[in-house]
C-alpha atoms as a PDB file:
ATOM      1  CA  MET A   1     -23.423  42.075   3.657  1.00  0.00           C
ATOM      2  CA  PHE A   2     -21.917  44.260   1.288  1.00  0.00           C
ATOM      3  CA  LYS A   3     -19.349  46.456   1.974  1.00  0.00           C
ATOM      4  CA  THR A   4     -18.714  50.273   1.136  1.00  0.00           C
ATOM      5  CA  ALA A   5     -15.285  49.748  -0.295  1.00  0.00           C
ATOM      6  CA  ASP A   6     -16.618  47.050  -3.417  1.00  0.00           C
ATOM      7  CA  SER A   7     -17.008  48.936  -6.087  1.00  0.00           C
ATOM      8  CA  VAL A   8     -18.615  45.747  -7.531  1.00  0.00           C
ATOM      9  CA  ALA A   9     -20.741  42.898  -5.689  1.00  0.00           C
ATOM     10  CA  ILE A  10     -22.275  40.007  -6.127  1.00  0.00           C
ATOM     11  CA  SER A  11     -23.991  37.873  -4.316  1.00  0.00           C
ATOM     12  CA  GLY A  12     -26.144  34.379  -5.575  1.00  0.00           C
ATOM     13  CA  LEU A  13     -26.380  36.053  -9.394  1.00  0.00           C
ATOM     14  CA  VAL A  14     -28.494  33.398 -11.620  1.00  0.00           C
ATOM     15  CA  LYS A  15     -28.964  33.777 -15.036  1.00  0.00           C
ATOM     16  CA  ILE A  16     -31.265  31.286 -16.992  1.00  0.00           C
ATOM     17  CA  PHE A  17     -31.969  31.127 -20.645  1.00  0.00           C
ATOM     18  CA  SER A  18     -34.532  29.218 -22.511  1.00  0.00           C
ATOM     19  CA  ARG A  19     -34.303  27.501 -25.783  1.00  0.00           C
ATOM     20  CA  GLY A  20     -37.840  25.681 -26.508  1.00  0.00           C
ATOM     21  CA  ARG A  21     -38.434  23.385 -24.245  1.00  0.00           C
ATOM     22  CA  LYS A  22     -35.169  23.335 -22.454  1.00  0.00           C
ATOM     23  CA  THR A  23     -33.701  25.717 -19.950  1.00  0.00           C
ATOM     24  CA  VAL A  24     -29.897  26.086 -19.192  1.00  0.00           C
ATOM     25  CA  LYS A  25     -28.580  27.846 -16.542  1.00  0.00           C
ATOM     26  CA  ALA A  26     -25.683  30.330 -17.615  1.00  0.00           C
ATOM     27  CA  LEU A  27     -24.961  31.765 -14.304  1.00  0.00           C
ATOM     28  CA  ASP A  28     -25.363  29.517 -11.289  1.00  0.00           C
ATOM     29  CA  ASN A  29     -25.014  31.144  -7.791  1.00  0.00           C
ATOM     30  CA  VAL A  30     -21.977  33.308  -8.807  1.00  0.00           C
ATOM     31  CA  SER A  31     -20.437  35.500  -6.103  1.00  0.00           C
ATOM     32  CA  PHE A  32     -17.794  37.487  -5.971  1.00  0.00           C
ATOM     33  CA  SER A  33     -16.572  41.433  -5.286  1.00  0.00           C
ATOM     34  CA  ILE A  34     -14.270  43.887  -7.346  1.00  0.00           C
ATOM     35  CA  ARG A  35     -12.919  46.725  -4.673  1.00  0.00           C
ATOM     36  CA  LYS A  36     -12.157  50.129  -5.973  1.00  0.00           C
ATOM     37  CA  GLY A  37      -8.958  50.319  -7.835  1.00  0.00           C
ATOM     38  CA  GLU A  38      -8.929  46.524  -8.112  1.00  0.00           C
ATOM     39  CA  ILE A  39      -8.159  44.854 -11.687  1.00  0.00           C
ATOM     40  CA  PHE A  40     -10.308  41.052 -11.084  1.00  0.00           C
ATOM     41  CA  GLY A  41      -9.849  38.668 -14.096  1.00  0.00           C
ATOM     42  CA  LEU A  42     -12.286  36.285 -14.898  1.00  0.00           C
ATOM     43  CA  LEU A  43     -10.886  33.074 -16.760  1.00  0.00           C
ATOM     44  CA  GLY A  44     -13.001  30.506 -18.199  1.00  0.00           C
ATOM     45  CA  PRO A  45     -13.269  28.280 -21.241  1.00  0.00           C
ATOM     46  CA  ASN A  46     -15.811  29.524 -24.396  1.00  0.00           C
ATOM     47  CA  GLY A  47     -19.190  29.065 -22.831  1.00  0.00           C
ATOM     48  CA  ALA A  48     -18.347  29.582 -19.237  1.00  0.00           C
ATOM     49  CA  GLY A  49     -20.512  32.399 -18.486  1.00  0.00           C
ATOM     50  CA  LYS A  50     -17.902  35.139 -18.894  1.00  0.00           C
ATOM     51  CA  THR A  51     -19.595  37.131 -21.112  1.00  0.00           C
ATOM     52  CA  THR A  52     -22.877  36.349 -19.835  1.00  0.00           C
ATOM     53  CA  LEU A  53     -21.913  37.554 -16.268  1.00  0.00           C
ATOM     54  CA  ILE A  54     -20.303  40.950 -18.182  1.00  0.00           C
ATOM     55  CA  SER A  55     -23.993  41.436 -19.762  1.00  0.00           C
ATOM     56  CA  VAL A  56     -25.670  41.381 -17.080  1.00  0.00           C
ATOM     57  CA  LEU A  57     -23.278  43.856 -14.806  1.00  0.00           C
ATOM     58  CA  CYS A  58     -24.095  46.556 -17.918  1.00  0.00           C
ATOM     59  CA  GLY A  59     -27.482  46.008 -18.111  1.00  0.00           C
ATOM     60  CA  LEU A  60     -27.482  43.942 -21.136  1.00  0.00           C
ATOM     61  CA  LEU A  61     -29.351  41.256 -19.774  1.00  0.00           C
ATOM     62  CA  GLU A  62     -32.062  40.587 -16.913  1.00  0.00           C
ATOM     63  CA  LYS A  63     -30.751  38.175 -14.475  1.00  0.00           C
ATOM     64  CA  ASN A  64     -33.210  35.743 -12.850  1.00  0.00           C
ATOM     65  CA  ALA A  65     -31.751  35.562  -9.322  1.00  0.00           C
ATOM     66  CA  GLY A  66     -29.302  37.275  -6.393  1.00  0.00           C
ATOM     67  CA  ARG A  67     -28.212  40.460  -5.935  1.00  0.00           C
ATOM     68  CA  VAL A  68     -26.131  42.908  -7.524  1.00  0.00           C
ATOM     69  CA  GLU A  69     -24.653  46.287  -6.647  1.00  0.00           C
ATOM     70  CA  ILE A  70     -22.530  48.533  -8.642  1.00  0.00           C
ATOM     71  CA  LEU A  71     -20.899  52.030  -7.030  1.00  0.00           C
ATOM     72  CA  GLY A  72     -23.195  50.876  -4.310  1.00  0.00           C
ATOM     73  CA  LYS A  73     -26.793  50.944  -6.282  1.00  0.00           C
ATOM     74  CA  ASN A  74     -28.512  48.360  -7.130  1.00  0.00           C
ATOM     75  CA  VAL A  75     -29.383  47.206 -10.561  1.00  0.00           C
ATOM     76  CA  ASP A  76     -33.093  46.315 -10.067  1.00  0.00           C
ATOM     77  CA  ARG A  77     -33.798  49.990  -9.064  1.00  0.00           C
ATOM     78  CA  ASP A  78     -30.817  52.221 -11.097  1.00  0.00           C
ATOM     79  CA  MET A  79     -29.431  50.979 -13.838  1.00  0.00           C
ATOM     80  CA  SER A  80     -29.716  54.220 -15.669  1.00  0.00           C
ATOM     81  CA  GLY A  81     -27.530  56.310 -13.245  1.00  0.00           C
ATOM     82  CA  ILE A  82     -24.698  52.909 -13.086  1.00  0.00           C
ATOM     83  CA  GLN A  83     -24.586  53.061 -16.718  1.00  0.00           C
ATOM     84  CA  LYS A  84     -23.780  56.643 -16.460  1.00  0.00           C
ATOM     85  CA  ARG A  85     -20.658  55.820 -14.539  1.00  0.00           C
ATOM     86  CA  ILE A  86     -19.490  52.585 -16.179  1.00  0.00           C
ATOM     87  CA  ASN A  87     -18.441  51.463 -19.842  1.00  0.00           C
ATOM     88  CA  LEU A  88     -17.287  48.191 -21.426  1.00  0.00           C
ATOM     89  CA  VAL A  89     -15.172  46.769 -24.249  1.00  0.00           C
ATOM     90  CA  LEU A  90     -16.604  43.468 -25.559  1.00  0.00           C
ATOM     91  CA  GLY A  91     -14.529  41.099 -27.477  1.00  0.00           C
ATOM     92  CA  PHE A  92     -15.189  40.791 -30.991  1.00  0.00           C
ATOM     93  CA  THR A  93     -17.681  43.492 -31.240  1.00  0.00           C
ATOM     94  CA  GLY A  94     -18.334  44.838 -34.678  1.00  0.00           C
ATOM     95  CA  ILE A  95     -18.142  48.233 -35.337  1.00  0.00           C
ATOM     96  CA  GLY A  96     -20.973  48.674 -38.420  1.00  0.00           C
ATOM     97  CA  MET A  97     -21.160  52.302 -39.015  1.00  0.00           C
ATOM     98  CA  SER A  98     -19.775  54.680 -42.060  1.00  0.00           C
ATOM     99  CA  LEU A  99     -18.506  57.036 -39.934  1.00  0.00           C
ATOM    100  CA  THR A 100     -15.614  58.453 -39.184  1.00  0.00           C
ATOM    101  CA  VAL A 101     -13.515  57.539 -36.481  1.00  0.00           C
ATOM    102  CA  TYR A 102     -13.661  60.987 -34.638  1.00  0.00           C
ATOM    103  CA  GLU A 103     -17.642  61.045 -36.209  1.00  0.00           C
ATOM    104  CA  PHE A 104     -17.769  57.592 -33.845  1.00  0.00           C
ATOM    105  CA  LEU A 105     -16.172  59.059 -31.239  1.00  0.00           C
ATOM    106  CA  LYS A 106     -18.580  62.265 -30.906  1.00  0.00           C
ATOM    107  CA  TYR A 107     -21.740  60.142 -31.340  1.00  0.00           C
ATOM    108  CA  TYR A 108     -20.685  58.271 -28.125  1.00  0.00           C
ATOM    109  CA  CYS A 109     -20.073  61.036 -26.675  1.00  0.00           C
ATOM    110  CA  MET A 110     -23.810  62.208 -27.190  1.00  0.00           C
ATOM    111  CA  LEU A 111     -24.962  59.044 -26.808  1.00  0.00           C
ATOM    112  CA  TYR A 112     -23.578  59.485 -22.942  1.00  0.00           C
ATOM    113  CA  GLY A 113     -24.660  63.110 -22.751  1.00  0.00           C
ATOM    114  CA  LEU A 114     -20.827  64.404 -22.328  1.00  0.00           C
ATOM    115  CA  GLY A 115     -19.842  68.006 -22.198  1.00  0.00           C
ATOM    116  CA  ASN A 116     -16.183  69.265 -23.848  1.00  0.00           C
ATOM    117  CA  LYS A 117     -16.784  66.785 -26.458  1.00  0.00           C
ATOM    118  CA  ASP A 118     -13.701  67.406 -28.302  1.00  0.00           C
ATOM    119  CA  ALA A 119     -11.458  67.347 -25.600  1.00  0.00           C
ATOM    120  CA  ARG A 120     -12.482  63.924 -24.382  1.00  0.00           C
ATOM    121  CA  ILE A 121     -11.949  62.560 -28.211  1.00  0.00           C
ATOM    122  CA  ALA A 122      -8.664  63.843 -28.432  1.00  0.00           C
ATOM    123  CA  SER A 123      -7.562  62.290 -24.894  1.00  0.00           C
ATOM    124  CA  ALA A 124      -9.386  58.736 -25.722  1.00  0.00           C
ATOM    125  CA  MET A 125      -7.477  58.903 -29.631  1.00  0.00           C
ATOM    126  CA  LYS A 126      -4.358  59.481 -27.435  1.00  0.00           C
ATOM    127  CA  SER A 127      -4.912  57.068 -25.249  1.00  0.00           C
ATOM    128  CA  VAL A 128      -4.896  54.192 -27.186  1.00  0.00           C
ATOM    129  CA  ASP A 129      -2.738  55.941 -30.145  1.00  0.00           C
ATOM    130  CA  ILE A 130      -4.941  56.299 -33.093  1.00  0.00           C
ATOM    131  CA  GLU A 131      -4.763  59.850 -33.529  1.00  0.00           C
ATOM    132  CA  ASP A 132      -3.914  59.487 -37.063  1.00  0.00           C
ATOM    133  CA  LYS A 133      -6.878  57.841 -37.949  1.00  0.00           C
ATOM    134  CA  ARG A 134      -9.552  60.424 -37.195  1.00  0.00           C
ATOM    135  CA  ASP A 135     -10.772  60.656 -40.198  1.00  0.00           C
ATOM    136  CA  THR A 136     -10.340  56.998 -41.354  1.00  0.00           C
ATOM    137  CA  ILE A 137     -13.826  55.702 -41.827  1.00  0.00           C
ATOM    138  CA  THR A 138     -14.195  52.701 -39.087  1.00  0.00           C
ATOM    139  CA  LEU A 139     -15.443  50.193 -41.305  1.00  0.00           C
ATOM    140  CA  GLU A 140     -12.188  50.371 -43.486  1.00  0.00           C
ATOM    141  CA  LEU A 141      -9.808  49.677 -40.291  1.00  0.00           C
ATOM    142  CA  SER A 142      -7.873  46.509 -39.355  1.00  0.00           C
ATOM    143  CA  SER A 143      -9.295  44.298 -36.583  1.00  0.00           C
ATOM    144  CA  GLY A 144      -6.876  45.516 -34.254  1.00  0.00           C
ATOM    145  CA  TYR A 145      -7.787  49.298 -34.850  1.00  0.00           C
ATOM    146  CA  LYS A 146     -11.375  48.485 -34.391  1.00  0.00           C
ATOM    147  CA  GLN A 147     -10.317  46.995 -30.855  1.00  0.00           C
ATOM    148  CA  ARG A 148      -8.141  50.489 -29.800  1.00  0.00           C
ATOM    149  CA  LEU A 149     -11.240  52.358 -31.105  1.00  0.00           C
ATOM    150  CA  LEU A 150     -14.084  50.526 -28.947  1.00  0.00           C
ATOM    151  CA  LEU A 151     -11.144  50.820 -26.161  1.00  0.00           C
ATOM    152  CA  ALA A 152     -11.371  54.827 -26.851  1.00  0.00           C
ATOM    153  CA  LYS A 153     -15.128  54.989 -26.687  1.00  0.00           C
ATOM    154  CA  ALA A 154     -15.160  53.034 -23.609  1.00  0.00           C
ATOM    155  CA  LEU A 155     -12.647  55.806 -22.108  1.00  0.00           C
ATOM    156  CA  LEU A 156     -15.010  58.926 -23.275  1.00  0.00           C
ATOM    157  CA  ASN A 157     -17.230  58.801 -19.827  1.00  0.00           C
ATOM    158  CA  GLU A 158     -14.283  58.361 -17.563  1.00  0.00           C
ATOM    159  CA  PRO A 159     -15.605  55.194 -15.810  1.00  0.00           C
ATOM    160  CA  GLU A 160     -15.310  54.337 -12.527  1.00  0.00           C
ATOM    161  CA  VAL A 161     -15.859  50.472 -13.150  1.00  0.00           C
ATOM    162  CA  LEU A 162     -14.588  49.111 -16.688  1.00  0.00           C
ATOM    163  CA  LEU A 163     -15.723  45.976 -18.053  1.00  0.00           C
ATOM    164  CA  LEU A 164     -13.055  44.345 -20.335  1.00  0.00           C
ATOM    165  CA  ASP A 165     -13.783  41.199 -22.537  1.00  0.00           C
ATOM    166  CA  GLU A 166     -10.596  40.289 -24.065  1.00  0.00           C
ATOM    167  CA  PRO A 167      -9.433  43.839 -24.669  1.00  0.00           C
ATOM    168  CA  THR A 168      -6.008  42.997 -26.427  1.00  0.00           C
ATOM    169  CA  VAL A 169      -7.298  40.551 -28.968  1.00  0.00           C
ATOM    170  CA  GLY A 170      -6.029  40.875 -32.288  1.00  0.00           C
ATOM    171  CA  LEU A 171      -3.765  43.421 -31.255  1.00  0.00           C
ATOM    172  CA  ASP A 172      -0.021  43.404 -31.949  1.00  0.00           C
ATOM    173  CA  VAL A 173       2.518  43.180 -29.140  1.00  0.00           C
ATOM    174  CA  GLU A 174       3.622  46.712 -29.362  1.00  0.00           C
ATOM    175  CA  ILE A 175       0.114  48.015 -28.928  1.00  0.00           C
ATOM    176  CA  ALA A 176      -1.077  45.072 -26.577  1.00  0.00           C
ATOM    177  CA  ILE A 177       1.569  46.221 -24.075  1.00  0.00           C
ATOM    178  CA  LYS A 178       0.094  49.986 -24.625  1.00  0.00           C
ATOM    179  CA  ILE A 179      -3.188  48.784 -23.995  1.00  0.00           C
ATOM    180  CA  ARG A 180      -1.963  46.834 -20.494  1.00  0.00           C
ATOM    181  CA  SER A 181       0.175  50.146 -19.264  1.00  0.00           C
ATOM    182  CA  LEU A 182      -3.252  51.868 -20.334  1.00  0.00           C
ATOM    183  CA  ILE A 183      -5.388  49.490 -17.518  1.00  0.00           C
ATOM    184  CA  LYS A 184      -2.517  50.270 -14.950  1.00  0.00           C
ATOM    185  CA  GLU A 185      -2.797  53.743 -15.085  1.00  0.00           C
ATOM    186  CA  LEU A 186      -6.491  53.200 -14.973  1.00  0.00           C
ATOM    187  CA  GLN A 187      -6.310  50.795 -11.965  1.00  0.00           C
ATOM    188  CA  LYS A 188      -4.275  54.013 -10.142  1.00  0.00           C
ATOM    189  CA  LYS A 189      -6.925  56.444 -10.725  1.00  0.00           C
ATOM    190  CA  GLY A 190      -8.954  54.145  -8.805  1.00  0.00           C
ATOM    191  CA  THR A 191     -10.666  52.854 -11.360  1.00  0.00           C
ATOM    192  CA  ALA A 192     -12.300  48.619 -10.745  1.00  0.00           C
ATOM    193  CA  ILE A 193     -11.998  46.780 -13.602  1.00  0.00           C
ATOM    194  CA  LEU A 194     -13.343  43.385 -14.168  1.00  0.00           C
ATOM    195  CA  LEU A 195     -11.176  41.465 -17.197  1.00  0.00           C
ATOM    196  CA  THR A 196     -11.552  38.330 -19.095  1.00  0.00           C
ATOM    197  CA  THR A 197      -8.913  37.472 -21.517  1.00  0.00           C
ATOM    198  CA  HIS A 198      -7.473  33.693 -22.140  1.00  0.00           C
ATOM    199  CA  ASN A 199      -3.995  35.669 -21.875  1.00  0.00           C
ATOM    200  CA  MET A 200      -1.966  33.940 -18.949  1.00  0.00           C
ATOM    201  CA  TYR A 201       0.796  36.220 -18.714  1.00  0.00           C
ATOM    202  CA  GLU A 202      -1.759  38.588 -18.978  1.00  0.00           C
ATOM    203  CA  VAL A 203      -3.654  37.699 -16.055  1.00  0.00           C
ATOM    204  CA  GLU A 204      -0.661  37.504 -14.316  1.00  0.00           C
ATOM    205  CA  GLU A 205       1.216  40.476 -14.932  1.00  0.00           C
ATOM    206  CA  LEU A 206      -2.419  42.668 -14.128  1.00  0.00           C
ATOM    207  CA  CYS A 207      -4.765  40.995 -12.179  1.00  0.00           C
ATOM    208  CA  ASP A 208      -5.122  41.467  -8.136  1.00  0.00           C
ATOM    209  CA  ARG A 209      -7.511  38.322  -7.879  1.00  0.00           C
ATOM    210  CA  ILE A 210      -8.788  36.421  -9.967  1.00  0.00           C
ATOM    211  CA  ALA A 211     -11.915  34.236 -10.222  1.00  0.00           C
ATOM    212  CA  LEU A 212     -11.892  30.455 -12.380  1.00  0.00           C
ATOM    213  CA  ILE A 213     -15.711  30.392 -13.947  1.00  0.00           C
ATOM    214  CA  SER A 214     -17.219  26.829 -15.214  1.00  0.00           C
ATOM    215  CA  LYS A 215     -20.288  25.967 -16.220  1.00  0.00           C
ATOM    216  CA  GLY A 216     -21.954  29.322 -14.997  1.00  0.00           C
ATOM    217  CA  ARG A 217     -20.409  28.804 -11.544  1.00  0.00           C
ATOM    218  CA  ILE A 218     -17.080  30.309  -9.680  1.00  0.00           C
ATOM    219  CA  ILE A 219     -15.274  27.213  -8.929  1.00  0.00           C
ATOM    220  CA  ALA A 220     -11.781  29.161  -7.668  1.00  0.00           C
ATOM    221  CA  LEU A 221     -11.591  32.626  -6.411  1.00  0.00           C
ATOM    222  CA  GLY A 222      -7.644  34.500  -5.361  1.00  0.00           C
ATOM    223  CA  THR A 223      -4.499  35.881  -5.792  1.00  0.00           C
ATOM    224  CA  VAL A 224      -2.396  34.059  -8.714  1.00  0.00           C
ATOM    225  CA  ASP A 225      -0.824  32.547  -6.619  1.00  0.00           C
ATOM    226  CA  GLU A 226      -3.095  31.320  -3.885  1.00  0.00           C
ATOM    227  CA  ILE A 227      -4.943  29.821  -7.140  1.00  0.00           C
ATOM    228  CA  LYS A 228      -1.443  27.914  -7.961  1.00  0.00           C
ATOM    229  CA  LYS A 229      -1.735  26.787  -4.682  1.00  0.00           C
ATOM    230  CA  MET A 230      -4.611  25.213  -4.610  1.00  0.00           C
ATOM    231  CA  ILE A 231      -3.172  22.250  -7.463  1.00  0.00           C
ATOM    232  CA  LYS A 232      -1.215  19.382  -6.326  1.00  0.00           C
ATOM    233  CA  VAL A 233       2.159  19.040  -8.230  1.00  0.00           C
ATOM    234  CA  ASP A 234       5.713  17.300  -8.416  1.00  0.00           C
ATOM    235  CA  LYS A 235       8.471  19.624  -7.243  1.00  0.00           C
ATOM    236  CA  VAL A 236      10.682  20.633  -9.850  1.00  0.00           C
ATOM    237  CA  ILE A 237      14.248  22.214  -9.009  1.00  0.00           C
ATOM    238  CA  GLU A 238      15.951  23.310 -11.885  1.00  0.00           C
ATOM    239  CA  VAL A 239      19.946  23.143 -11.262  1.00  0.00           C
ATOM    240  CA  ASP A 240      22.553  24.978 -13.729  1.00  0.00           C
ATOM    241  CA  VAL A 241      25.326  22.690 -12.908  1.00  0.00           C
ATOM    242  CA  ASP A 242      28.649  20.999 -15.254  1.00  0.00           C
ATOM    243  CA  ARG A 243      28.731  17.856 -16.577  1.00  0.00           C
ATOM    244  CA  LEU A 244      24.811  17.596 -17.385  1.00  0.00           C
ATOM    245  CA  ALA A 245      24.726  14.208 -18.165  1.00  0.00           C
ATOM    246  CA  ASP A 246      26.068  12.628 -15.444  1.00  0.00           C
ATOM    247  CA  PHE A 247      24.614  15.055 -12.692  1.00  0.00           C
ATOM    248  CA  ALA A 248      21.390  14.071 -14.214  1.00  0.00           C
ATOM    249  CA  GLY A 249      22.331  10.071 -14.313  1.00  0.00           C
ATOM    250  CA  GLU A 250      23.551  10.606 -10.402  1.00  0.00           C
ATOM    251  CA  MET A 251      20.177  12.147  -9.672  1.00  0.00           C
ATOM    252  CA  LYS A 252      17.812   9.456 -11.112  1.00  0.00           C
ATOM    253  CA  ARG A 253      19.881   6.980  -8.686  1.00  0.00           C
ATOM    254  CA  GLN A 254      18.259   8.842  -5.556  1.00  0.00           C
ATOM    255  CA  LYS A 255      15.332   6.964  -4.367  1.00  0.00           C
ATOM    256  CA  TYR A 256      13.908  10.160  -3.087  1.00  0.00           C
ATOM    257  CA  VAL A 257      13.720  11.247  -7.008  1.00  0.00           C
ATOM    258  CA  VAL A 258      10.900  11.057  -9.684  1.00  0.00           C
ATOM    259  CA  SER A 259      12.972  12.064 -12.756  1.00  0.00           C
ATOM    260  CA  SER A 260      15.686  14.119 -13.526  1.00  0.00           C
ATOM    261  CA  ARG A 261      16.564  14.667 -17.518  1.00  0.00           C
ATOM    262  CA  ILE A 262      18.112  18.042 -19.553  1.00  0.00           C
ATOM    263  CA  VAL A 263      15.939  20.439 -20.359  1.00  0.00           C
ATOM    264  CA  ASP A 264      17.591  23.731 -22.285  1.00  0.00           C
ATOM    265  CA  ASP A 265      20.835  22.966 -20.955  1.00  0.00           C
ATOM    266  CA  VAL A 266      19.782  22.749 -17.230  1.00  0.00           C
ATOM    267  CA  VAL A 267      18.721  20.012 -14.984  1.00  0.00           C
ATOM    268  CA  HIS A 268      15.159  19.499 -14.215  1.00  0.00           C
ATOM    269  CA  VAL A 269      15.139  17.476 -10.859  1.00  0.00           C
ATOM    270  CA  LYS A 270      11.408  15.741 -10.252  1.00  0.00           C
ATOM    271  CA  VAL A 271      10.260  14.907  -6.680  1.00  0.00           C
ATOM    272  CA  VAL A 272       6.715  14.970  -4.695  1.00  0.00           C
ATOM    273  CA  SER A 273       7.020  16.477  -1.325  1.00  0.00           C
ATOM    274  CA  TYR A 274       9.151  19.640  -0.072  1.00  0.00           C
ATOM    275  CA  GLY A 275      11.036  17.181   2.290  1.00  0.00           C
ATOM    276  CA  ASN A 276      12.535  16.084  -1.114  1.00  0.00           C
ATOM    277  CA  VAL A 277      13.329  19.126  -2.291  1.00  0.00           C
ATOM    278  CA  ARG A 278      15.324  19.128   0.994  1.00  0.00           C
ATOM    279  CA  LYS A 279      16.741  15.926   0.080  1.00  0.00           C
ATOM    280  CA  VAL A 280      17.906  17.538  -3.086  1.00  0.00           C
ATOM    281  CA  MET A 281      19.704  20.393  -1.643  1.00  0.00           C
ATOM    282  CA  ASP A 282      21.885  18.325   0.952  1.00  0.00           C
ATOM    283  CA  PHE A 283      22.789  16.137  -1.702  1.00  0.00           C
ATOM    284  CA  LEU A 284      24.126  19.350  -3.579  1.00  0.00           C
ATOM    285  CA  SER A 285      26.046  20.470  -0.983  1.00  0.00           C
ATOM    286  CA  LYS A 286      27.498  17.635  -0.568  1.00  0.00           C
ATOM    287  CA  SER A 287      28.267  17.246  -4.353  1.00  0.00           C
ATOM    288  CA  ASP A 288      31.377  17.353  -6.206  1.00  0.00           C
ATOM    289  CA  PHE A 289      29.843  19.308  -8.791  1.00  0.00           C
ATOM    290  CA  LEU A 290      29.884  22.622  -9.569  1.00  0.00           C
ATOM    291  CA  ILE A 291      27.047  24.360  -9.425  1.00  0.00           C
ATOM    292  CA  TYR A 292      26.021  27.714 -10.999  1.00  0.00           C
ATOM    293  CA  SER A 293      22.166  28.236  -9.457  1.00  0.00           C
ATOM    294  CA  VAL A 294      19.390  26.413  -8.422  1.00  0.00           C
ATOM    295  CA  ARG A 295      15.880  27.367  -8.288  1.00  0.00           C
ATOM    296  CA  LEU A 296      12.073  26.160  -7.537  1.00  0.00           C
ATOM    297  CA  VAL A 297      10.219  25.639 -10.595  1.00  0.00           C
ATOM    298  CA  GLU A 298       6.518  26.987  -9.432  1.00  0.00           C
ATOM    299  CA  PRO A 299       3.720  25.701 -11.517  1.00  0.00           C
ATOM    300  CA  THR A 300       2.543  28.146 -13.873  1.00  0.00           C
ATOM    301  CA  LEU A 301      -0.905  30.007 -13.844  1.00  0.00           C
ATOM    302  CA  GLU A 302      -2.078  27.988 -16.920  1.00  0.00           C
ATOM    303  CA  GLU A 303      -1.442  24.536 -15.253  1.00  0.00           C
ATOM    304  CA  ALA A 304      -2.888  25.634 -12.535  1.00  0.00           C
ATOM    305  CA  PHE A 305      -5.958  26.316 -14.495  1.00  0.00           C
ATOM    306  CA  LEU A 306      -6.109  23.127 -16.614  1.00  0.00           C
ATOM    307  CA  LYS A 307      -5.905  21.140 -13.492  1.00  0.00           C
ATOM    308  CA  ILE A 308      -8.535  22.585 -11.734  1.00  0.00           C
ATOM    309  CA  MET A 309     -10.900  23.112 -15.063  1.00  0.00           C
ATOM    310  CA  ARG A 310     -10.132  19.428 -15.602  1.00  0.00           C
ATOM    311  CA  LYS A 311     -11.020  18.325 -11.989  1.00  0.00           C
ATOM    312  CA  ASP A 312     -14.253  20.066 -12.054  1.00  0.00           C
ATOM    313  CA  ALA A 313     -15.264  18.431 -15.447  1.00  0.00           C
ATOM    314  CA  GLY A 314     -14.790  14.996 -13.931  1.00  0.00           C
ATOM    315  CA  GLY A 315     -16.594  15.964 -11.081  1.00  0.00           C
ATOM    316  CA  LYS A 316     -14.227  15.616  -8.203  1.00  0.00           C
ATOM    317  CA  LYS A 317     -14.412  17.926  -4.619  1.00  0.00           C
END
């Protein structure tokens, strides 16, 4: 049963490609939803099915099975109506037109059947900081500016659902920060956003929930913290202390410590359980070392991503 609060609802989605006598299941029983005003991250290696999924959602590809609703409309019955209320940016998409930036955006305004063209174009160019390129031929733009132009194009119809496939690829740091800020502003306005990216920092900064996709299947879904908790890793306590070498050596002699080493002027003490974390803390409270700070180092999203992907590749449950 799909919820009315869901801007995107997917259940049992299957997409199969035929390659000669062989068939490839690019999407295999994919199910998830995206709420209004939610940024949902889709992570996976190249060829996992991310772009195929986006292409199905926006009507570029037809699905073989499953149910998809966008803004309460079934894609099988009302794709044309849905397309007026959504937009997308596909990474590495070429711009093969000898038009100026202004003419390119005006062309898409006409294609979308939009009024107030000049106001929409001005607003979109300002959002991605390309106003100074208004009269530049699109073919002469750098790859970074082309990506920003595609983002501007996607904002013209003020979409309620925005599909972003690697939106900051090819952008310099300053512009990438500006684009992430723009994505947050769109979220505040209630836009539902599906984001694919290989930038783990970007995912942690932007996404409310994420799904990991491998070989067309969703293998993990949850918040960033929930995904991190799915993996079993040794616990690492970072200790900023005087007499680094002496402290590291003393910790190595404790039976409950897996390893103890100096990393960037602090000591990383590795143990296997939270019970042993308490033993380290008890040791610190009783020692004569001067302790400046202590913190538990959490696994990164990248570590969780790699471990979950490796587990899936090995066929383990």
